[in-house]
Amino acid sequence: MPKKKIKGKFLTFGDVLLIPKRSPVDSRKDIDLSTNIGPFRINLPIISSPMDTVTESSMAIAMAKNGGLGIIHRFCSIEDQKNEVEKVKRKENWIIENPITVSPETTLAEILSLVEKYGFWTYLVVDENKKLLGLISKRDYLFCDDKNKKVKDLMVPFEKLIVINKKISLEEAKKIFEKYKIEKLPIVDKERKVLGLITSKDVENFSNKKTSRDSKGRLLVGAAIGIKGDFLERAQELVRVGVDILVVDVAHGHLEKTLKAVKTLKSKFPEIPLIAGNVATPEGVRDLFSAGADVVKVGIGPGSSCSTRIVTGVGVPQLGALLWIKERYPKIPIISDGGCKNSGDIVKALAAGAHAVMLGNMLAGTDEAPGKVMVVNGKRVKVFRGMSSSFAYERKLKETNEKAEYIPVSEGAEFGLVPYKGSVSEVLENIEKGLRSGFSYCGARNLKELWKKAEFVEISLGGLKESGFDNIFLV
């Protein structure tokens, strides 16, 4: 075979180790793991994958609370995806500027439907002119069995509420909550029209500096879109409900159709940060960035549920792809998507030039991942499948009413099971500890120093075996 057809030998995470360096780090807690994703700065360089068995609103909320970012998958209707984004954006607000309101004629059954849809239990009660009449919370209807009972018969009337007539500081809000022993503080104008709502829970949560937030104090969230069918309408609706980042998420991001879609999206929504992928070459990164992507997603076939390389023979080993791209285009932000099996792999991906790492399998199986816990052969598990599987493709067609141009070959696991892992917060905490240790060993106090100082050594099979447990039984 002609030499020019061989681009070289490419390695991946299991082929290398990072070389330990002299370190100025006194305490691992002083290491700064923050990174930029477009205009946003997140405190943990971890992004949850837009897979239907990984990220919906529960995962996205947990990711933001732990300093990362969640991307809502697109394998659902526009309405369903929009609702998932809304759940995240409404979960925590320093000041809720457009609180959901109900009328005094609303029934308890309708209130319970709102609870199921939005995930919170308290609503302001207003008349047809948006004048505040009262407030209804969980304690007002918790033991009410009559689902036809109306809000006006259950609510706390306006006269018994503590309200304010202007926006106040966080410290002022804390003093009011402490003084009056209340949990909700409506903001109204002189005519009692609702201007906003402050909750004690949001004030408490806002004190967590680690949380990923937008400029209004709401949780950060992204959402995935495709490149055909309803993708423009989907993007428009997602932007309308406050999505922070759009992610063009396709298996082969270096298609002419993908580049055209990215250009169109950037022209229509220039203020919305755009992540696009997936690619595995410097040219792919360059072209997506030139088309308008703010960040490019790297990874063709490295994921645990992906069979692209086996089915098609196409791909680039993940670590090698990252190093190749970083060497050619060091200033283009990239996300490493796939291939990480542990926190050590994540450190290697970051050291190779990634601004952040997208995880699927490592976050699947947690409480926050979609799906129920099942017991198989005496072990608790949850479903995890690839997004290029036939099942996922058919679900997308069904949910989006998209017509198939042809039925592609499956490039992902159809129905996989992963161990139940418990809370994703615990998983992320362990990952974070591993990252801090990895940075410390490399003598890096932040991501920029890691990029500058990191050096790899290629290891043998013996070296790989030596890296794990040996002559010990794990119990």
Protein backbone atom coordinates (compact mmCIF):
# COMPACT_ATOMS: atom_id res chain seq x y z
CA MET A 1 0.00 0.00 0.00
CA PRO A 2 1.41 3.47 -0.94
CA LYS A 3 2.83 5.33 2.02
CA LYS A 4 0.67 8.40 1.37
CA LYS A 5 -2.41 6.34 2.13
CA ILE A 6 -1.24 5.77 5.71
CA LYS A 7 -1.54 8.89 7.86
CA GLY A 8 0.47 7.37 10.66
CA LYS A 9 0.03 5.39 13.85
CA PHE A 10 -2.68 6.80 16.11
CA LEU A 11 -3.02 5.92 19.78
CA THR A 12 -5.89 6.06 22.23
CA PHE A 13 -6.33 6.33 25.98
CA GLY A 14 -5.28 2.79 26.90
CA ASP A 15 -2.06 3.10 24.88
CA VAL A 16 -0.52 5.92 26.89
CA LEU A 17 0.08 7.37 30.33
CA LEU A 18 0.78 10.94 31.36
CA ILE A 19 4.27 11.61 32.70
CA PRO A 20 4.28 12.95 36.28
CA LYS A 21 5.89 16.38 36.68
CA ARG A 22 7.27 18.62 39.42
CA SER A 23 4.15 20.18 40.88
CA PRO A 24 3.48 23.60 42.44
CA VAL A 25 0.08 22.39 43.70
CA ASP A 26 -0.11 22.60 47.51
CA SER A 27 -3.68 21.35 47.78
CA ARG A 28 -5.81 19.63 45.17
CA LYS A 29 -8.81 21.70 46.24
CA ASP A 30 -6.99 24.77 44.87
CA ILE A 31 -6.95 23.36 41.33
CA ASP A 32 -9.23 25.23 38.91
CA LEU A 33 -11.11 22.77 36.69
CA SER A 34 -13.24 25.43 35.01
CA THR A 35 -13.47 25.76 31.24
CA ASN A 36 -15.21 27.87 28.62
CA ILE A 37 -18.01 26.52 26.45
CA GLY A 38 -18.72 29.40 24.11
CA PRO A 39 -19.43 32.46 26.30
CA PHE A 40 -20.23 30.32 29.34
CA ARG A 41 -17.76 29.25 32.00
CA ILE A 42 -18.50 25.97 33.74
CA ASN A 43 -16.63 24.73 36.81
CA LEU A 44 -16.43 21.06 35.82
CA PRO A 45 -15.33 20.20 32.24
CA ILE A 46 -17.94 17.44 31.92
CA ILE A 47 -20.93 17.42 29.55
CA SER A 48 -23.62 14.75 29.52
CA SER A 49 -24.29 13.20 26.12
CA PRO A 50 -27.58 13.92 24.25
CA MET A 51 -28.63 10.26 24.33
CA ASP A 52 -32.17 9.16 25.17
CA THR A 53 -30.89 6.91 27.95
CA VAL A 54 -28.62 9.59 29.40
CA THR A 55 -29.91 13.16 29.30
CA GLU A 56 -33.33 14.59 29.92
CA SER A 57 -34.20 17.34 32.43
CA SER A 58 -33.25 15.42 35.59
CA MET A 59 -29.74 14.74 34.31
CA ALA A 60 -29.34 18.28 32.95
CA ILE A 61 -30.37 19.77 36.29
CA ALA A 62 -27.91 17.56 38.17
CA MET A 63 -25.11 18.34 35.71
CA ALA A 64 -25.60 22.10 36.12
CA LYS A 65 -25.80 21.85 39.91
CA ASN A 66 -22.49 19.97 39.94
CA GLY A 67 -20.77 22.52 37.72
CA GLY A 68 -21.11 20.72 34.37
CA LEU A 69 -23.56 20.92 31.48
CA GLY A 70 -26.35 18.68 30.25
CA ILE A 71 -27.52 18.41 26.62
CA ILE A 72 -31.18 17.34 26.17
CA HIS A 73 -31.46 14.67 23.46
CA ARG A 74 -33.47 15.21 20.25
CA PHE A 75 -35.08 11.77 19.94
CA CYS A 76 -38.50 13.14 20.88
CA SER A 77 -41.08 15.63 19.65
CA ILE A 78 -40.30 19.35 19.64
CA GLU A 79 -42.89 19.85 22.37
CA ASP A 80 -41.36 17.21 24.62
CA GLN A 81 -37.82 18.52 24.15
CA LYS A 82 -38.99 22.06 24.77
CA ASN A 83 -40.70 20.96 28.00
CA GLU A 84 -37.50 19.30 29.20
CA VAL A 85 -35.56 22.51 28.60
CA GLU A 86 -38.22 24.53 30.42
CA LYS A 87 -38.01 22.23 33.45
CA VAL A 88 -34.30 23.00 33.71
CA LYS A 89 -34.65 26.75 33.19
CA ARG A 90 -37.41 27.01 35.79
CA LYS A 91 -35.74 24.78 38.38
CA GLU A 92 -33.64 27.46 40.03
CA ASN A 93 -33.99 31.20 39.56
CA TRP A 94 -32.73 33.94 41.80
CA ILE A 95 -35.80 35.89 40.72
CA ILE A 96 -38.42 34.01 38.69
CA GLU A 97 -39.45 36.77 36.26
CA ASN A 98 -42.35 34.93 34.64
CA PRO A 99 -43.73 32.56 37.27
CA ILE A 100 -46.44 30.16 36.19
CA THR A 101 -49.78 31.39 37.49
CA VAL A 102 -53.22 29.83 37.93
CA SER A 103 -56.71 31.26 38.27
CA PRO A 104 -58.96 30.89 41.32
CA GLU A 105 -61.18 28.59 39.23
CA THR A 106 -58.35 26.14 38.50
CA THR A 107 -59.08 22.70 39.93
CA LEU A 108 -56.80 20.60 42.09
CA ALA A 109 -56.61 18.06 39.25
CA GLU A 110 -55.20 20.78 36.98
CA ILE A 111 -52.72 21.81 39.68
CA LEU A 112 -51.47 18.23 39.92
CA SER A 113 -51.03 18.16 36.12
CA LEU A 114 -48.85 21.27 36.39
CA VAL A 115 -46.83 19.61 39.15
CA GLU A 116 -46.21 16.62 36.88
CA LYS A 117 -45.29 18.83 33.92
CA TYR A 118 -43.00 21.36 35.64
CA GLY A 119 -41.86 19.55 38.77
CA PHE A 120 -42.73 22.20 41.37
CA TRP A 121 -45.60 22.52 43.81
CA THR A 122 -46.31 26.22 44.41
CA TYR A 123 -48.24 28.61 42.13
CA LEU A 124 -49.35 32.21 42.32
CA VAL A 125 -53.08 32.78 41.90
CA VAL A 126 -54.11 35.74 39.71
CA ASP A 127 -57.25 37.18 38.10
CA GLU A 128 -57.72 37.90 34.40
CA ASN A 129 -55.68 41.14 34.77
CA LYS A 130 -52.74 39.28 36.38
CA LYS A 131 -53.58 40.84 39.76
CA LEU A 132 -52.27 38.69 42.61
CA LEU A 133 -55.09 37.08 44.61
CA GLY A 134 -53.18 34.52 46.61
CA LEU A 135 -50.78 31.59 46.62
CA ILE A 136 -51.28 27.83 46.65
CA SER A 137 -48.57 25.42 47.78
CA LYS A 138 -48.23 21.71 48.53
CA ARG A 139 -49.23 22.14 52.17
CA ASP A 140 -52.58 23.59 51.04
CA TYR A 141 -53.67 20.53 49.06
CA LEU A 142 -51.49 17.65 50.25
CA PHE A 143 -54.34 15.95 52.14
CA CYS A 144 -57.20 17.04 49.89
CA ASP A 145 -58.89 14.07 48.19
CA ASP A 146 -61.36 16.12 46.14
CA LYS A 147 -59.63 16.64 42.79
CA ASN A 148 -62.47 18.92 41.64
CA LYS A 149 -61.94 21.37 44.46
CA LYS A 150 -60.99 24.81 43.21
CA VAL A 151 -57.90 26.84 44.01
CA LYS A 152 -59.95 29.66 45.56
CA ASP A 153 -61.06 27.25 48.30
CA LEU A 154 -57.52 26.05 49.07
CA MET A 155 -55.20 29.03 48.56
CA VAL A 156 -53.65 31.42 51.05
CA PRO A 157 -55.32 34.80 50.26
CA PHE A 158 -53.34 37.91 49.36
CA GLU A 159 -54.04 39.54 52.72
CA LYS A 160 -52.03 36.84 54.49
CA LEU A 161 -49.04 36.98 52.15
CA ILE A 162 -45.76 38.83 52.60
CA VAL A 163 -45.01 40.64 49.32
CA ILE A 164 -42.53 43.25 48.08
CA ASN A 165 -42.89 45.98 45.45
CA LYS A 166 -39.38 45.99 44.03
CA LYS A 167 -36.51 43.69 43.19
CA ILE A 168 -34.11 43.28 46.08
CA SER A 169 -30.64 41.91 46.73
CA LEU A 170 -29.87 38.35 47.74
CA GLU A 171 -28.95 39.42 51.27
CA GLU A 172 -32.18 41.44 51.64
CA ALA A 173 -34.19 38.42 50.55
CA LYS A 174 -32.44 36.22 53.13
CA LYS A 175 -33.38 38.68 55.89
CA ILE A 176 -37.05 38.71 54.85
CA PHE A 177 -37.25 34.90 54.73
CA GLU A 178 -35.60 34.69 58.16
CA LYS A 179 -37.81 37.39 59.71
CA TYR A 180 -41.19 36.12 58.50
CA LYS A 181 -40.40 32.37 58.35
CA ILE A 182 -41.82 32.10 54.82
CA GLU A 183 -40.73 30.15 51.74
CA LYS A 184 -42.20 32.24 48.88
CA LEU A 185 -41.91 35.99 48.31
CA PRO A 186 -44.01 37.45 45.44
CA ILE A 187 -42.98 40.70 43.77
CA VAL A 188 -45.90 42.92 42.70
CA ASP A 189 -46.40 46.47 41.46
CA LYS A 190 -48.73 49.09 42.98
CA GLU A 191 -51.73 47.49 41.23
CA ARG A 192 -50.71 44.07 42.64
CA LYS A 193 -49.74 42.78 39.19
CA VAL A 194 -47.12 40.04 39.41
CA LEU A 195 -43.56 41.09 38.55
CA GLY A 196 -41.77 38.01 39.81
CA LEU A 197 -41.29 35.47 42.57
CA ILE A 198 -38.41 34.66 44.95
CA THR A 199 -38.25 31.32 46.78
CA SER A 200 -36.21 30.46 49.84
CA LYS A 201 -34.96 27.32 48.11
CA ASP A 202 -33.61 29.30 45.17
CA VAL A 203 -31.92 31.77 47.51
CA GLU A 204 -30.28 28.84 49.29
CA ASN A 205 -29.23 27.17 46.02
CA PHE A 206 -27.90 30.43 44.58
CA SER A 207 -25.25 30.47 47.28
CA ASN A 208 -23.62 27.46 45.57
CA LYS A 209 -20.90 29.08 43.47
CA LYS A 210 -20.11 25.82 41.68
CA THR A 211 -23.44 25.67 39.84
CA SER A 212 -23.49 26.42 36.09
CA ARG A 213 -25.79 29.41 35.56
CA ASP A 214 -26.82 31.90 32.88
CA SER A 215 -26.71 35.68 33.34
CA LYS A 216 -30.11 35.59 35.08
CA GLY A 217 -29.05 32.97 37.59
CA ARG A 218 -30.92 30.10 35.94
CA LEU A 219 -29.35 26.68 35.39
CA LEU A 220 -27.45 26.25 32.13
CA VAL A 221 -28.79 23.73 29.63
CA GLY A 222 -28.12 22.77 26.02
CA ALA A 223 -30.25 20.88 23.53
CA ALA A 224 -29.43 18.75 20.50
CA ILE A 225 -30.82 19.22 17.00
CA GLY A 226 -30.28 17.51 13.65
CA ILE A 227 -29.64 18.85 10.15
CA LYS A 228 -32.83 18.01 8.28
CA GLY A 229 -36.59 17.86 8.71
CA ASP A 230 -37.80 20.08 11.55
CA PHE A 231 -34.34 21.17 12.75
CA LEU A 232 -34.93 24.91 12.18
CA GLU A 233 -38.37 24.87 13.79
CA ARG A 234 -36.94 22.82 16.65
CA ALA A 235 -34.09 25.29 17.13
CA GLN A 236 -36.48 28.24 17.10
CA GLU A 237 -38.73 26.71 19.76
CA LEU A 238 -35.77 25.77 21.95
CA VAL A 239 -34.38 29.29 21.73
CA ARG A 240 -37.81 30.70 22.56
CA VAL A 241 -37.96 28.83 25.88
CA GLY A 242 -34.45 29.89 26.85
CA VAL A 243 -32.03 27.15 25.80
CA ASP A 244 -28.45 28.35 26.32
CA ILE A 245 -26.59 26.23 23.76
CA LEU A 246 -27.63 24.42 20.58
CA VAL A 247 -25.79 21.23 19.63
CA VAL A 248 -25.79 20.01 16.04
CA ASP A 249 -25.50 16.32 16.84
CA VAL A 250 -24.97 13.98 13.89
CA ALA A 251 -22.82 10.88 13.43
CA HIS A 252 -20.80 12.37 10.55
CA GLY A 253 -20.35 16.10 11.06
CA HIS A 254 -18.17 16.62 7.98
CA LEU A 255 -21.09 16.36 5.57
CA GLU A 256 -21.83 19.22 3.18
CA LYS A 257 -25.37 19.11 4.58
CA THR A 258 -24.04 19.59 8.13
CA LEU A 259 -21.91 22.57 7.12
CA LYS A 260 -24.89 24.16 5.38
CA ALA A 261 -27.11 23.57 8.43
CA VAL A 262 -24.52 25.13 10.75
CA LYS A 263 -24.28 28.23 8.52
CA THR A 264 -28.06 28.56 8.47
CA LEU A 265 -28.40 28.16 12.23
CA LYS A 266 -25.66 30.70 12.94
CA SER A 267 -27.25 33.25 10.62
CA LYS A 268 -30.69 32.81 12.19
CA PHE A 269 -29.54 32.60 15.82
CA PRO A 270 -26.24 34.51 15.98
CA GLU A 271 -26.58 35.10 19.73
CA ILE A 272 -26.86 31.39 20.60
CA PRO A 273 -23.60 29.45 21.10
CA LEU A 274 -23.40 26.53 18.69
CA ILE A 275 -21.62 23.21 19.24
CA ALA A 276 -21.35 20.99 16.15
CA GLY A 277 -20.06 17.51 15.39
CA ASN A 278 -18.98 14.83 15.22
CA VAL A 279 -15.70 14.86 13.33
CA ALA A 280 -12.27 13.26 13.81
CA THR A 281 -9.91 15.28 11.61
CA PRO A 282 -8.36 18.76 11.64
CA GLU A 283 -10.17 19.52 8.37
CA GLY A 284 -13.51 18.58 9.89
CA VAL A 285 -12.90 20.85 12.86
CA ARG A 286 -11.73 23.69 10.63
CA ASP A 287 -14.73 23.48 8.31
CA LEU A 288 -17.34 23.34 11.08
CA PHE A 289 -15.67 26.25 12.88
CA SER A 290 -15.55 28.25 9.64
CA ALA A 291 -19.23 27.49 9.04
CA GLY A 292 -20.16 29.07 12.37
CA ALA A 293 -19.69 26.51 15.14
CA ASP A 294 -18.31 28.02 18.34
CA VAL A 295 -17.15 24.64 19.62
CA VAL A 296 -16.58 21.40 17.69
CA LYS A 297 -17.32 17.90 18.95
CA VAL A 298 -14.66 15.29 18.20
CA GLY A 299 -15.25 11.54 18.08
CA ILE A 300 -16.08 9.03 15.35
CA GLY A 301 -16.85 5.63 16.84
CA PRO A 302 -15.06 5.66 20.23
CA GLY A 303 -18.20 5.33 22.36
CA SER A 304 -18.93 2.10 24.26
CA SER A 305 -22.34 1.75 22.58
CA CYS A 306 -21.08 2.69 19.12
CA SER A 307 -20.17 0.15 16.44
CA THR A 308 -19.37 2.61 13.63
CA ARG A 309 -15.74 1.50 13.32
CA ILE A 310 -16.72 -2.17 13.14
CA VAL A 311 -19.63 -1.72 10.74
CA THR A 312 -18.05 0.88 8.43
CA GLY A 313 -14.31 0.53 8.98
CA VAL A 314 -14.15 4.29 9.59
CA GLY A 315 -12.83 6.28 12.54
CA VAL A 316 -9.73 7.67 14.25
CA PRO A 317 -8.52 6.52 17.69
CA GLN A 318 -9.79 9.19 20.05
CA LEU A 319 -6.62 10.38 21.75
CA GLY A 320 -4.78 10.51 18.43
CA ALA A 321 -7.60 12.54 16.88
CA LEU A 322 -7.48 15.08 19.71
CA LEU A 323 -3.69 15.48 19.48
CA TRP A 324 -3.82 15.74 15.67
CA ILE A 325 -6.48 18.44 15.81
CA LYS A 326 -4.89 20.39 18.67
CA GLU A 327 -1.56 20.50 16.84
CA ARG A 328 -3.13 21.88 13.65
CA TYR A 329 -5.78 24.19 15.13
CA PRO A 330 -4.85 24.95 18.76
CA LYS A 331 -7.23 27.91 19.07
CA ILE A 332 -10.43 26.13 18.03
CA PRO A 333 -12.32 24.85 21.11
CA ILE A 334 -13.07 21.13 20.96
CA ILE A 335 -15.03 18.64 23.04
CA SER A 336 -13.91 15.02 23.27
CA ASP A 337 -16.98 12.84 22.78
CA GLY A 338 -16.67 9.14 23.62
CA GLY A 339 -14.10 6.57 24.64
CA CYS A 340 -13.59 7.56 28.30
CA LYS A 341 -14.02 4.69 30.73
CA ASN A 342 -12.69 6.35 33.89
CA SER A 343 -11.44 9.65 35.29
CA GLY A 344 -7.91 8.87 34.07
CA ASP A 345 -9.13 8.76 30.47
CA ILE A 346 -10.84 12.13 31.01
CA VAL A 347 -7.57 13.67 32.25
CA LYS A 348 -5.82 12.30 29.14
CA ALA A 349 -8.53 13.74 26.84
CA LEU A 350 -8.19 17.16 28.46
CA ALA A 351 -4.39 16.97 28.35
CA ALA A 352 -4.60 16.19 24.63
CA GLY A 353 -6.37 19.49 23.98
CA ALA A 354 -10.06 19.09 24.77
CA HIS A 355 -11.86 21.95 26.50
CA ALA A 356 -14.37 19.49 27.95
CA VAL A 357 -15.32 15.83 27.75
CA MET A 358 -18.76 14.48 26.84
CA LEU A 359 -19.81 11.35 28.73
CA GLY A 360 -22.49 8.77 28.00
CA ASN A 361 -21.79 5.36 29.53
CA MET A 362 -20.11 6.78 32.63
CA LEU A 363 -23.31 8.70 33.49
CA ALA A 364 -25.81 6.09 32.28
CA GLY A 365 -27.32 3.87 34.94
CA THR A 366 -27.60 6.71 37.47
CA ASP A 367 -30.82 7.83 39.17
CA GLU A 368 -30.99 10.90 36.91
CA ALA A 369 -30.64 8.97 33.63
CA PRO A 370 -34.00 8.25 31.92
CA GLY A 371 -35.54 4.84 32.47
CA LYS A 372 -36.37 2.58 35.36
CA VAL A 373 -34.04 0.41 37.42
CA MET A 374 -34.48 -3.28 36.55
CA VAL A 375 -33.21 -6.43 38.21
CA VAL A 376 -31.47 -8.86 35.84
CA ASN A 377 -29.79 -11.99 37.20
CA GLY A 378 -29.99 -10.52 40.67
CA LYS A 379 -28.25 -7.28 39.71
CA ARG A 380 -29.79 -3.81 39.39
CA VAL A 381 -29.33 -2.33 35.90
CA LYS A 382 -30.65 0.34 33.54
CA VAL A 383 -30.96 0.44 29.75
CA PHE A 384 -28.25 2.12 27.69
CA ARG A 385 -28.19 2.18 23.88
CA GLY A 386 -26.36 3.88 21.05
CA MET A 387 -28.00 6.75 19.18
CA SER A 388 -27.04 5.26 15.83
CA SER A 389 -28.85 2.03 16.65
CA SER A 390 -31.89 0.96 14.65
CA PHE A 391 -34.09 1.29 17.75
CA ALA A 392 -33.03 4.90 18.32
CA TYR A 393 -33.45 5.71 14.63
CA GLU A 394 -36.96 4.28 14.57
CA ARG A 395 -37.87 6.15 17.75
CA LYS A 396 -36.70 9.41 16.18
CA LEU A 397 -38.87 8.79 13.10
CA LYS A 398 -41.88 8.02 15.28
CA GLU A 399 -41.48 10.97 17.66
CA THR A 400 -40.64 13.58 15.02
CA ASN A 401 -42.84 12.36 12.13
CA GLU A 402 -39.72 12.44 9.98
CA LYS A 403 -39.75 10.33 6.83
CA ALA A 404 -36.83 7.99 6.21
CA GLU A 405 -34.94 8.51 2.98
CA TYR A 406 -33.58 5.00 3.47
CA ILE A 407 -33.05 2.66 6.40
CA PRO A 408 -29.34 2.85 7.39
CA VAL A 409 -27.36 0.00 8.89
CA SER A 410 -27.25 0.03 12.69
CA GLU A 411 -24.07 1.58 14.11
CA GLY A 412 -24.90 1.26 17.80
CA ALA A 413 -25.92 -1.11 20.58
CA GLU A 414 -29.65 -1.83 20.27
CA PHE A 415 -30.43 -2.74 23.87
CA GLY A 416 -27.57 -2.67 26.32
CA LEU A 417 -27.64 -2.82 30.11
CA VAL A 418 -25.33 -0.98 32.47
CA PRO A 419 -24.99 -1.40 36.23
CA TYR A 420 -27.14 0.84 38.39
CA LYS A 421 -24.80 3.51 39.78
CA GLY A 422 -26.93 5.54 42.21
CA SER A 423 -26.80 9.33 42.26
CA VAL A 424 -25.01 11.06 39.40
CA SER A 425 -23.72 13.60 41.94
CA GLU A 426 -21.66 10.86 43.55
CA VAL A 427 -20.36 9.74 40.15
CA LEU A 428 -19.37 13.32 39.29
CA GLU A 429 -17.76 13.83 42.68
CA ASN A 430 -15.53 10.81 42.13
CA ILE A 431 -14.67 12.00 38.61
CA GLU A 432 -13.79 15.44 39.96
CA LYS A 433 -11.49 13.95 42.59
CA GLY A 434 -9.73 11.95 39.87
CA LEU A 435 -9.31 15.06 37.71
CA ARG A 436 -7.85 17.06 40.57
CA SER A 437 -5.35 14.29 41.29
CA GLY A 438 -4.44 13.97 37.60
CA PHE A 439 -3.86 17.73 37.25
CA SER A 440 -1.72 17.68 40.40
CA TYR A 441 0.50 14.84 39.14
CA CYS A 442 1.03 16.80 35.90
CA GLY A 443 1.96 19.97 37.79
CA ALA A 444 -1.06 21.83 36.45
CA ARG A 445 -3.18 24.26 38.43
CA ASN A 446 -5.68 24.74 35.61
CA LEU A 447 -6.56 23.52 32.13
CA LYS A 448 -4.21 25.89 30.30
CA GLU A 449 -1.29 24.67 32.37
CA LEU A 450 -2.30 21.06 31.68
CA TRP A 451 -2.24 21.71 27.91
CA LYS A 452 1.20 23.30 28.23
CA LYS A 453 2.87 20.79 30.58
CA ALA A 454 1.30 17.44 29.65
CA GLU A 455 3.46 14.81 28.00
CA PHE A 456 2.52 11.23 27.17
CA VAL A 457 4.49 8.01 27.13
CA GLU A 458 3.39 5.05 25.01
CA ILE A 459 3.06 1.86 27.04
CA SER A 460 3.23 -1.86 26.24
CA LEU A 461 0.62 -4.49 27.07
CA GLY A 462 2.74 -5.29 30.11
CA GLY A 463 2.67 -1.64 31.09
CA LEU A 464 -1.10 -1.60 30.71
CA LYS A 465 -1.43 -4.71 32.89
CA GLU A 466 0.91 -3.19 35.44
CA SER A 467 -1.35 -0.14 35.63
CA GLY A 468 -4.27 -2.09 37.12
CA PHE A 469 -4.85 -4.26 40.16
CA ASP A 470 -2.73 -7.40 40.28
CA ASN A 471 -2.62 -10.37 42.67
CA ILE A 472 -5.53 -8.99 44.66
CA PHE A 473 -9.17 -10.03 44.97
CA LEU A 474 -11.63 -7.15 44.81
CA VAL A 475 -14.63 -7.53 47.13
